[in-house]
């Protein structure tokens, strides 16, 4: 059975509400952490701050990817695998997403 378009629209509206609520929770959590770290006291352009957050996110994504790779390949580390400090500095050229 196919859903009527009205039911699909209702489901989309419900999911959009859930998305807004989830984004609000995430923003509040990140905001609290940033304030505790003293970010609110630093005078910095929003674009610079976003670029810094993107670098942090990439660092955590890379660490998560490496950890997942270790689980499937064992604990042996190859010499071609970058360290956490190398990953953190790799995006220093600017934001990858605008």
PDB file of N, CA and C in Angstrom:
ATOM      1  N   UNK A   1       0.836  -1.192   0.000  1.00  0.00           N
ATOM      2  CA  UNK A   1       0.000   0.000   0.000  1.00  0.00           C
ATOM      3  C   UNK A   1       0.872   1.243   0.000  1.00  0.00           C
ATOM      4  N   UNK A   2       0.475   2.169  -0.804  1.00  0.00           N
ATOM      5  CA  UNK A   2       1.193   3.437  -0.858  1.00  0.00           C
ATOM      6  C   UNK A   2       0.571   4.410   0.132  1.00  0.00           C
ATOM      7  N   UNK A   3       1.424   5.273   0.685  1.00  0.00           N
ATOM      8  CA  UNK A   3       0.950   6.304   1.608  1.00  0.00           C
ATOM      9  C   UNK A   3       0.402   7.467   0.808  1.00  0.00           C
ATOM     10  N   UNK A   4      -0.665   8.057   1.280  1.00  0.00           N
ATOM     11  CA  UNK A   4      -1.139   9.275   0.609  1.00  0.00           C
ATOM     12  C   UNK A   4      -0.163  10.424   0.873  1.00  0.00           C
ATOM     13  N   UNK A   5      -0.144  11.384  -0.034  1.00  0.00           N
ATOM     14  CA  UNK A   5       0.809  12.492   0.077  1.00  0.00           C
ATOM     15  C   UNK A   5       0.629  13.277   1.371  1.00  0.00           C
ATOM     16  N   UNK A   6      -0.594  13.359   1.866  1.00  0.00           N
ATOM     17  CA  UNK A   6      -0.818  14.091   3.126  1.00  0.00           C
ATOM     18  C   UNK A   6      -0.098  13.411   4.290  1.00  0.00           C
ATOM     19  N   UNK A   7      -0.087  12.091   4.318  1.00  0.00           N
ATOM     20  CA  UNK A   7       0.618  11.361   5.383  1.00  0.00           C
ATOM     21  C   UNK A   7       2.129  11.554   5.260  1.00  0.00           C
ATOM     22  N   UNK A   8       2.612  11.571   4.030  1.00  0.00           N
ATOM     23  CA  UNK A   8       4.041  11.785   3.806  1.00  0.00           C
ATOM     24  C   UNK A   8       4.434  13.188   4.266  1.00  0.00           C
ATOM     25  N   UNK A   9       3.619  14.192   3.948  1.00  0.00           N
ATOM     26  CA  UNK A   9       3.891  15.569   4.397  1.00  0.00           C
ATOM     27  C   UNK A   9       3.899  15.666   5.912  1.00  0.00           C
ATOM     28  N   UNK A  10       2.950  14.977   6.561  1.00  0.00           N
ATOM     29  CA  UNK A  10       2.911  14.970   8.030  1.00  0.00           C
ATOM     30  C   UNK A  10       4.180  14.349   8.605  1.00  0.00           C
ATOM     31  N   UNK A  11       4.628  13.261   7.981  1.00  0.00           N
ATOM     32  CA  UNK A  11       5.850  12.600   8.445  1.00  0.00           C
ATOM     33  C   UNK A  11       7.062  13.495   8.243  1.00  0.00           C
ATOM     34  N   UNK A  12       7.122  14.176   7.105  1.00  0.00           N
ATOM     35  CA  UNK A  12       8.228  15.102   6.840  1.00  0.00           C
ATOM     36  C   UNK A  12       8.233  16.226   7.868  1.00  0.00           C
ATOM     37  N   UNK A  13       7.065  16.795   8.168  1.00  0.00           N
ATOM     38  CA  UNK A  13       6.973  17.870   9.159  1.00  0.00           C
ATOM     39  C   UNK A  13       7.424  17.383  10.531  1.00  0.00           C
ATOM     40  N   UNK A  14       7.026  16.167  10.880  1.00  0.00           N
ATOM     41  CA  UNK A  14       7.416  15.599  12.171  1.00  0.00           C
ATOM     42  C   UNK A  14       8.931  15.396  12.221  1.00  0.00           C
ATOM     43  N   UNK A  15       9.506  14.899  11.153  1.00  0.00           N
ATOM     44  CA  UNK A  15      10.955  14.689  11.099  1.00  0.00           C
ATOM     45  C   UNK A  15      11.717  16.010  11.125  1.00  0.00           C
ATOM     46  N   UNK A  16      11.180  17.042  10.467  1.00  0.00           N
ATOM     47  CA  UNK A  16      11.818  18.360  10.509  1.00  0.00           C
ATOM     48  C   UNK A  16      11.815  18.911  11.927  1.00  0.00           C
ATOM     49  N   UNK A  17      10.712  18.695  12.650  1.00  0.00           N
ATOM     50  CA  UNK A  17      10.663  19.124  14.050  1.00  0.00           C
ATOM     51  C   UNK A  17      11.699  18.381  14.880  1.00  0.00           C
ATOM     52  N   UNK A  18      11.827  17.084  14.648  1.00  0.00           N
ATOM     53  CA  UNK A  18      12.829  16.295  15.371  1.00  0.00           C
ATOM     54  C   UNK A  18      14.238  16.773  15.049  1.00  0.00           C
ATOM     55  N   UNK A  19      14.472  17.104  13.775  1.00  0.00           N
ATOM     56  CA  UNK A  19      15.781  17.601  13.361  1.00  0.00           C
ATOM     57  C   UNK A  19      16.103  18.927  14.045  1.00  0.00           C
ATOM     58  N   UNK A  20      15.134  19.851  14.064  1.00  0.00           N
ATOM     59  CA  UNK A  20      15.359  21.142  14.736  1.00  0.00           C
ATOM     60  C   UNK A  20      15.663  20.941  16.217  1.00  0.00           C
ATOM     61  N   UNK A  21      14.925  20.049  16.871  1.00  0.00           N
ATOM     62  CA  UNK A  21      15.155  19.789  18.292  1.00  0.00           C
ATOM     63  C   UNK A  21      16.545  19.195  18.519  1.00  0.00           C
ATOM     64  N   UNK A  22      16.943  18.254  17.669  1.00  0.00           N
ATOM     65  CA  UNK A  22      18.269  17.637  17.799  1.00  0.00           C
ATOM     66  C   UNK A  22      19.374  18.661  17.568  1.00  0.00           C
ATOM     67  N   UNK A  23      19.203  19.516  16.556  1.00  0.00           N
ATOM     68  CA  UNK A  23      20.212  20.547  16.284  1.00  0.00           C
ATOM     69  C   UNK A  23      20.307  21.535  17.442  1.00  0.00           C
ATOM     70  N   UNK A  24      19.174  21.870  18.044  1.00  0.00           N
ATOM     71  CA  UNK A  24      19.177  22.778  19.192  1.00  0.00           C
ATOM     72  C   UNK A  24      19.930  22.155  20.363  1.00  0.00           C
ATOM     73  N   UNK A  25      19.656  20.879  20.644  1.00  0.00           N
ATOM     74  CA  UNK A  25      20.372  20.187  21.732  1.00  0.00           C
ATOM     75  C   UNK A  25      21.868  20.166  21.468  1.00  0.00           C
ATOM     76  N   UNK A  26      22.258  19.846  20.219  1.00  0.00           N
ATOM     77  CA  UNK A  26      23.672  19.785  19.874  1.00  0.00           C
ATOM     78  C   UNK A  26      24.332  21.153  19.988  1.00  0.00           C
ATOM     79  N   UNK A  27      23.640  22.185  19.520  1.00  0.00           N
ATOM     80  CA  UNK A  27      24.192  23.545  19.586  1.00  0.00           C
ATOM     81  C   UNK A  27      24.368  23.989  21.035  1.00  0.00           C
ATOM     82  N   UNK A  28      23.396  23.671  21.871  1.00  0.00           N
ATOM     83  CA  UNK A  28      23.507  24.042  23.283  1.00  0.00           C
ATOM     84  C   UNK A  28      24.657  23.308  23.949  1.00  0.00           C
ATOM     85  N   UNK A  29      24.825  22.039  23.621  1.00  0.00           N
ATOM     86  CA  UNK A  29      25.924  21.252  24.202  1.00  0.00           C
ATOM     87  C   UNK A  29      27.272  21.820  23.776  1.00  0.00           C
ATOM     88  N   UNK A  30      27.439  22.055  22.475  1.00  0.00           N
ATOM     89  CA  UNK A  30      28.706  22.595  21.972  1.00  0.00           C
ATOM     90  C   UNK A  30      28.943  23.992  22.552  1.00  0.00           C
ATOM     91  N   UNK A  31      27.893  24.783  22.634  1.00  0.00           N
ATOM     92  CA  UNK A  31      28.014  26.130  23.196  1.00  0.00           C
ATOM     93  C   UNK A  31      28.473  26.112  24.639  1.00  0.00           C
ATOM     94  N   UNK A  32      27.891  25.218  25.437  1.00  0.00           N
ATOM     95  CA  UNK A  32      28.301  25.111  26.845  1.00  0.00           C
ATOM     96  C   UNK A  32      29.766  24.724  26.953  1.00  0.00           C
ATOM     97  N   UNK A  33      30.188  23.765  26.140  1.00  0.00           N
ATOM     98  CA  UNK A  33      31.582  23.320  26.167  1.00  0.00           C
ATOM     99  C   UNK A  33      32.509  24.454  25.744  1.00  0.00           C
ATOM    100  N   UNK A  34      32.129  25.178  24.691  1.00  0.00           N
ATOM    101  CA  UNK A  34      32.949  26.291  24.205  1.00  0.00           C
ATOM    102  C   UNK A  34      33.072  27.381  25.266  1.00  0.00           C
ATOM    103  N   UNK A  35      31.978  27.679  25.939  1.00  0.00           N
ATOM    104  CA  UNK A  35      32.024  28.700  26.990  1.00  0.00           C
ATOM    105  C   UNK A  35      32.904  28.256  28.157  1.00  0.00           C
ATOM    106  N   UNK A  36      32.797  26.993  28.533  1.00  0.00           N
ATOM    107  CA  UNK A  36      33.652  26.478  29.612  1.00  0.00           C
ATOM    108  C   UNK A  36      35.125  26.574  29.235  1.00  0.00           C
ATOM    109  N   UNK A  37      35.416  26.409  27.946  1.00  0.00           N
ATOM    110  CA  UNK A  37      36.802  26.478  27.470  1.00  0.00           C
ATOM    111  C   UNK A  37      37.286  27.914  27.312  1.00  0.00           C
ATOM    112  N   UNK A  38      36.384  28.894  27.466  1.00  0.00           N
ATOM    113  CA  UNK A  38      36.771  30.296  27.382  1.00  0.00           C
ATOM    114  C   UNK A  38      36.644  30.898  25.991  1.00  0.00           C
ATOM    115  N   UNK A  39      36.007  30.218  25.057  1.00  0.00           N
ATOM    116  CA  UNK A  39      35.872  30.724  23.689  1.00  0.00           C
ATOM    117  C   UNK A  39      35.069  32.025  23.662  1.00  0.00           C
ATOM    118  N   UNK A  40      34.114  32.161  24.534  1.00  0.00           N
ATOM    119  CA  UNK A  40      33.269  33.357  24.540  1.00  0.00           C
ATOM    120  C   UNK A  40      34.025  34.635  24.860  1.00  0.00           C
ATOM    121  N   UNK A  41      35.172  34.516  25.500  1.00  0.00           N
ATOM    122  CA  UNK A  41      35.956  35.683  25.894  1.00  0.00           C
ATOM    123  C   UNK A  41      36.950  36.120  24.827  1.00  0.00           C
ATOM    124  N   UNK A  42      37.090  35.319  23.788  1.00  0.00           N
ATOM    125  CA  UNK A  42      38.064  35.608  22.733  1.00  0.00           C
ATOM    126  C   UNK A  42      37.376  36.378  21.617  1.00  0.00           C
ATOM    127  N   UNK A  43      37.995  37.478  21.205  1.00  0.00           N
ATOM    128  CA  UNK A  43      37.468  38.228  20.068  1.00  0.00           C
ATOM    129  C   UNK A  43      38.016  37.595  18.800  1.00  0.00           C
ATOM    130  N   UNK A  44      37.136  36.967  18.042  1.00  0.00           N
ATOM    131  CA  UNK A  44      37.537  36.254  16.835  1.00  0.00           C
ATOM    132  C   UNK A  44      36.383  36.311  15.838  1.00  0.00           C
ATOM    133  N   UNK A  45      36.736  36.440  14.575  1.00  0.00           N
ATOM    134  CA  UNK A  45      35.722  36.460  13.521  1.00  0.00           C
ATOM    135  C   UNK A  45      35.026  35.103  13.467  1.00  0.00           C
ATOM    136  N   UNK A  46      33.754  35.122  13.125  1.00  0.00           N
ATOM    137  CA  UNK A  46      32.987  33.883  13.067  1.00  0.00           C
ATOM    138  C   UNK A  46      33.573  32.898  12.056  1.00  0.00           C
ATOM    139  N   UNK A  47      34.067  33.411  10.928  1.00  0.00           N
ATOM    140  CA  UNK A  47      34.643  32.516   9.918  1.00  0.00           C
ATOM    141  C   UNK A  47      35.902  31.831  10.425  1.00  0.00           C
ATOM    142  N   UNK A  48      36.713  32.557  11.193  1.00  0.00           N
ATOM    143  CA  UNK A  48      37.924  31.962  11.765  1.00  0.00           C
ATOM    144  C   UNK A  48      37.563  30.890  12.792  1.00  0.00           C
ATOM    145  N   UNK A  49      36.555  31.199  13.603  1.00  0.00           N
ATOM    146  CA  UNK A  49      36.125  30.253  14.619  1.00  0.00           C
ATOM    147  C   UNK A  49      35.543  28.999  13.963  1.00  0.00           C
ATOM    148  N   UNK A  50      34.764  29.178  12.916  1.00  0.00           N
ATOM    149  CA  UNK A  50      34.209  28.028  12.207  1.00  0.00           C
ATOM    150  C   UNK A  50      35.327  27.176  11.610  1.00  0.00           C
ATOM    151  N   UNK A  51      36.336  27.818  11.038  1.00  0.00           N
ATOM    152  CA  UNK A  51      37.462  27.082  10.465  1.00  0.00           C
ATOM    153  C   UNK A  51      38.181  26.269  11.548  1.00  0.00           C
ATOM    154  N   UNK A  52      38.344  26.867  12.719  1.00  0.00           N
ATOM    155  CA  UNK A  52      38.992  26.156  13.817  1.00  0.00           C
ATOM    156  C   UNK A  52      38.157  24.957  14.260  1.00  0.00           C
ATOM    157  N   UNK A  53      36.836  25.144  14.342  1.00  0.00           N
ATOM    158  CA  UNK A  53      35.958  24.030  14.702  1.00  0.00           C
ATOM    159  C   UNK A  53      36.005  22.931  13.634  1.00  0.00           C
ATOM    160  N   UNK A  54      36.096  23.314  12.365  1.00  0.00           N
ATOM    161  CA  UNK A  54      36.191  22.324  11.289  1.00  0.00           C
ATOM    162  C   UNK A  54      37.482  21.517  11.407  1.00  0.00           C
ATOM    163  N   UNK A  55      38.574  22.177  11.781  1.00  0.00           N
ATOM    164  CA  UNK A  55      39.840  21.468  11.993  1.00  0.00           C
ATOM    165  C   UNK A  55      39.715  20.480  13.144  1.00  0.00           C
ATOM    166  N   UNK A  56      39.072  20.903  14.209  1.00  0.00           N
ATOM    167  CA  UNK A  56      38.874  20.020  15.366  1.00  0.00           C
ATOM    168  C   UNK A  56      38.027  18.824  14.963  1.00  0.00           C
ATOM    169  N   UNK A  57      36.947  19.083  14.233  1.00  0.00           N
ATOM    170  CA  UNK A  57      36.072  17.996  13.792  1.00  0.00           C
ATOM    171  C   UNK A  57      36.838  17.008  12.922  1.00  0.00           C
ATOM    172  N   UNK A  58      37.661  17.509  12.014  1.00  0.00           N
ATOM    173  CA  UNK A  58      38.434  16.634  11.141  1.00  0.00           C
ATOM    174  C   UNK A  58      39.428  15.807  11.950  1.00  0.00           C
ATOM    175  N   UNK A  59      40.026  16.404  12.969  1.00  0.00           N
ATOM    176  CA  UNK A  59      40.963  15.688  13.816  1.00  0.00           C
ATOM    177  C   UNK A  59      40.253  14.513  14.505  1.00  0.00           C
ATOM    178  N   UNK A  60      39.048  14.752  15.028  1.00  0.00           N
ATOM    179  CA  UNK A  60      38.307  13.683  15.685  1.00  0.00           C
ATOM    180  C   UNK A  60      37.822  12.633  14.688  1.00  0.00           C
ATOM    181  N   UNK A  61      37.420  13.062  13.492  1.00  0.00           N
ATOM    182  CA  UNK A  61      37.005  12.094  12.472  1.00  0.00           C
ATOM    183  C   UNK A  61      38.173  11.193  12.085  1.00  0.00           C
ATOM    184  N   UNK A  62      39.356  11.785  11.907  1.00  0.00           N
ATOM    185  CA  UNK A  62      40.542  11.010  11.534  1.00  0.00           C
ATOM    186  C   UNK A  62      40.901  10.021  12.643  1.00  0.00           C
ATOM    187  N   UNK A  63      40.812  10.451  13.884  1.00  0.00           N
ATOM    188  CA  UNK A  63      41.117   9.564  15.007  1.00  0.00           C
ATOM    189  C   UNK A  63      40.119   8.414  15.060  1.00  0.00           C
ATOM    190  N   UNK A  64      38.859   8.701  14.798  1.00  0.00           N
ATOM    191  CA  UNK A  64      37.821   7.667  14.811  1.00  0.00           C
ATOM    192  C   UNK A  64      38.062   6.676  13.677  1.00  0.00           C
ATOM    193  N   UNK A  65      38.440   7.175  12.503  1.00  0.00           N
ATOM    194  CA  UNK A  65      38.722   6.317  11.357  1.00  0.00           C
ATOM    195  C   UNK A  65      39.920   5.414  11.658  1.00  0.00           C
ATOM    196  N   UNK A  66      40.964   5.991  12.248  1.00  0.00           N
ATOM    197  CA  UNK A  66      42.145   5.193  12.604  1.00  0.00           C
ATOM    198  C   UNK A  66      41.772   4.123  13.623  1.00  0.00           C
ATOM    199  N   UNK A  67      40.947   4.480  14.610  1.00  0.00           N
ATOM    200  CA  UNK A  67      40.549   3.518  15.632  1.00  0.00           C
ATOM    201  C   UNK A  67      39.728   2.386  15.013  1.00  0.00           C
ATOM    202  N   UNK A  68      38.857   2.706  14.080  1.00  0.00           N
ATOM    203  CA  UNK A  68      38.062   1.683  13.412  1.00  0.00           C
ATOM    204  C   UNK A  68      38.954   0.787  12.569  1.00  0.00           C
ATOM    205  N   UNK A  69      39.963   1.358  11.940  1.00  0.00           N
ATOM    206  CA  UNK A  69      40.906   0.583  11.141  1.00  0.00           C
ATOM    207  C   UNK A  69      41.723  -0.364  11.992  1.00  0.00           C
ATOM    208  N   UNK A  70      42.092   0.079  13.178  1.00  0.00           N
ATOM    209  CA  UNK A  70      42.873  -0.772  14.078  1.00  0.00           C
ATOM    210  C   UNK A  70      42.047  -1.962  14.544  1.00  0.00           C
ATOM    211  N   UNK A  71      40.747  -1.752  14.763  1.00  0.00           N
ATOM    212  CA  UNK A  71      39.896  -2.845  15.221  1.00  0.00           C
ATOM    213  C   UNK A  71      39.817  -3.942  14.167  1.00  0.00           C
ATOM    214  N   UNK A  72      39.770  -3.550  12.889  1.00  0.00           N
ATOM    215  CA  UNK A  72      39.642  -4.556  11.839  1.00  0.00           C
ATOM    216  C   UNK A  72      40.985  -5.123  11.402  1.00  0.00           C
ATOM    217  N   UNK A  73      42.070  -4.376  11.580  1.00  0.00           N
ATOM    218  CA  UNK A  73      43.381  -4.829  11.118  1.00  0.00           C
ATOM    219  C   UNK A  73      44.310  -5.217  12.263  1.00  0.00           C
ATOM    220  N   UNK A  74      43.845  -5.213  13.471  1.00  0.00           N
ATOM    221  CA  UNK A  74      44.700  -5.513  14.617  1.00  0.00           C
ATOM    222  C   UNK A  74      45.367  -4.252  15.120  1.00  0.00           C
ATOM    223  N   UNK A  75      46.278  -4.398  16.062  1.00  0.00           N
ATOM    224  CA  UNK A  75      46.927  -3.238  16.659  1.00  0.00           C
ATOM    225  C   UNK A  75      48.225  -2.847  15.974  1.00  0.00           C
ATOM    226  N   UNK A  76      48.603  -3.484  14.885  1.00  0.00           N
ATOM    227  CA  UNK A  76      49.842  -3.106  14.214  1.00  0.00           C
ATOM    228  C   UNK A  76      49.653  -1.783  13.501  1.00  0.00           C
ATOM    229  N   UNK A  77      50.625  -0.892  13.649  1.00  0.00           N
ATOM    230  CA  UNK A  77      50.561   0.442  13.055  1.00  0.00           C
ATOM    231  C   UNK A  77      51.609   0.540  11.961  1.00  0.00           C
ATOM    232  N   UNK A  78      51.187   1.032  10.798  1.00  0.00           N
ATOM    233  CA  UNK A  78      52.135   1.163   9.694  1.00  0.00           C
ATOM    234  C   UNK A  78      52.822   2.511   9.768  1.00  0.00           C
ATOM    235  N   UNK A  79      53.982   2.612   9.163  1.00  0.00           N
ATOM    236  CA  UNK A  79      54.723   3.866   9.196  1.00  0.00           C
ATOM    237  C   UNK A  79      54.074   4.932   8.331  1.00  0.00           C
ATOM    238  N   UNK A  80      53.196   4.549   7.402  1.00  0.00           N
ATOM    239  CA  UNK A  80      52.535   5.532   6.546  1.00  0.00           C
ATOM    240  C   UNK A  80      51.328   6.160   7.213  1.00  0.00           C
ATOM    241  N   UNK A  81      50.909   5.626   8.361  1.00  0.00           N
ATOM    242  CA  UNK A  81      49.745   6.157   9.057  1.00  0.00           C
ATOM    243  C   UNK A  81      50.131   7.435   9.802  1.00  0.00           C
ATOM    244  N   UNK A  82      49.408   8.540   9.584  1.00  0.00           N
ATOM    245  CA  UNK A  82      49.773   9.794  10.248  1.00  0.00           C
ATOM    246  C   UNK A  82      49.453   9.756  11.734  1.00  0.00           C
ATOM    247  N   UNK A  83      50.230  10.499  12.490  1.00  0.00           N
ATOM    248  CA  UNK A  83      49.959  10.602  13.922  1.00  0.00           C
ATOM    249  C   UNK A  83      48.886  11.648  14.149  1.00  0.00           C
ATOM    250  N   UNK A  84      48.378  11.740  15.381  1.00  0.00           N
ATOM    251  CA  UNK A  84      47.326  12.704  15.700  1.00  0.00           C
ATOM    252  C   UNK A  84      47.802  14.137  15.503  1.00  0.00           C
ATOM    253  N   UNK A  85      49.081  14.401  15.786  1.00  0.00           N
ATOM    254  CA  UNK A  85      49.574  15.762  15.617  1.00  0.00           C
ATOM    255  C   UNK A  85      49.679  16.136  14.153  1.00  0.00           C
ATOM    256  N   UNK A  86      50.019  15.193  13.306  1.00  0.00           N
ATOM    257  CA  UNK A  86      50.061  15.475  11.881  1.00  0.00           C
ATOM    258  C   UNK A  86      48.662  15.728  11.343  1.00  0.00           C
ATOM    259  N   UNK A  87      47.670  14.954  11.804  1.00  0.00           N
ATOM    260  CA  UNK A  87      46.299  15.130  11.345  1.00  0.00           C
ATOM    261  C   UNK A  87      45.745  16.475  11.768  1.00  0.00           C
ATOM    262  N   UNK A  88      46.073  16.918  12.980  1.00  0.00           N
ATOM    263  CA  UNK A  88      45.539  18.172  13.476  1.00  0.00           C
ATOM    264  C   UNK A  88      46.015  19.351  12.657  1.00  0.00           C
ATOM    265  N   UNK A  89      47.229  19.303  12.155  1.00  0.00           N
ATOM    266  CA  UNK A  89      47.762  20.418  11.402  1.00  0.00           C
ATOM    267  C   UNK A  89      47.485  20.345   9.910  1.00  0.00           C
ATOM    268  N   UNK A  90      46.908  19.243   9.456  1.00  0.00           N
ATOM    269  CA  UNK A  90      46.741  19.061   8.020  1.00  0.00           C
ATOM    270  C   UNK A  90      45.730  20.018   7.425  1.00  0.00           C
ATOM    271  N   UNK A  91      44.760  20.498   8.187  1.00  0.00           N
ATOM    272  CA  UNK A  91      43.748  21.404   7.643  1.00  0.00           C
ATOM    273  C   UNK A  91      44.017  22.851   7.947  1.00  0.00           C
ATOM    274  N   UNK A  92      45.255  23.199   8.267  1.00  0.00           N
ATOM    275  CA  UNK A  92      45.563  24.558   8.686  1.00  0.00           C
ATOM    276  C   UNK A  92      45.480  25.573   7.560  1.00  0.00           C
ATOM    277  N   UNK A  93      45.328  25.111   6.317  1.00  0.00           N
ATOM    278  CA  UNK A  93      45.266  26.013   5.188  1.00  0.00           C
ATOM    279  C   UNK A  93      43.973  26.788   5.084  1.00  0.00           C
ATOM    280  N   UNK A  94      42.942  26.365   5.778  1.00  0.00           N
ATOM    281  CA  UNK A  94      41.667  27.050   5.729  1.00  0.00           C
ATOM    282  C   UNK A  94      40.528  26.059   5.835  1.00  0.00           C
ATOM    283  N   UNK A  95      39.316  26.559   5.860  1.00  0.00           N
ATOM    284  CA  UNK A  95      38.172  25.665   6.031  1.00  0.00           C
ATOM    285  C   UNK A  95      37.956  24.818   4.776  1.00  0.00           C
ATOM    286  N   UNK A  96      37.589  23.559   4.999  1.00  0.00           N
ATOM    287  CA  UNK A  96      37.327  22.685   3.867  1.00  0.00           C
ATOM    288  C   UNK A  96      35.889  22.820   3.400  1.00  0.00           C
ATOM    289  N   UNK A  97      35.014  23.305   4.289  1.00  0.00           N
ATOM    290  CA  UNK A  97      33.624  23.534   3.933  1.00  0.00           C
ATOM    291  C   UNK A  97      33.276  24.962   4.237  1.00  0.00           C
ATOM    292  N   UNK A  98      32.531  25.577   3.391  1.00  0.00           N
ATOM    293  CA  UNK A  98      32.170  26.966   3.640  1.00  0.00           C
ATOM    294  C   UNK A  98      30.703  27.133   3.856  1.00  0.00           C
TER     295      UNK A  98
END
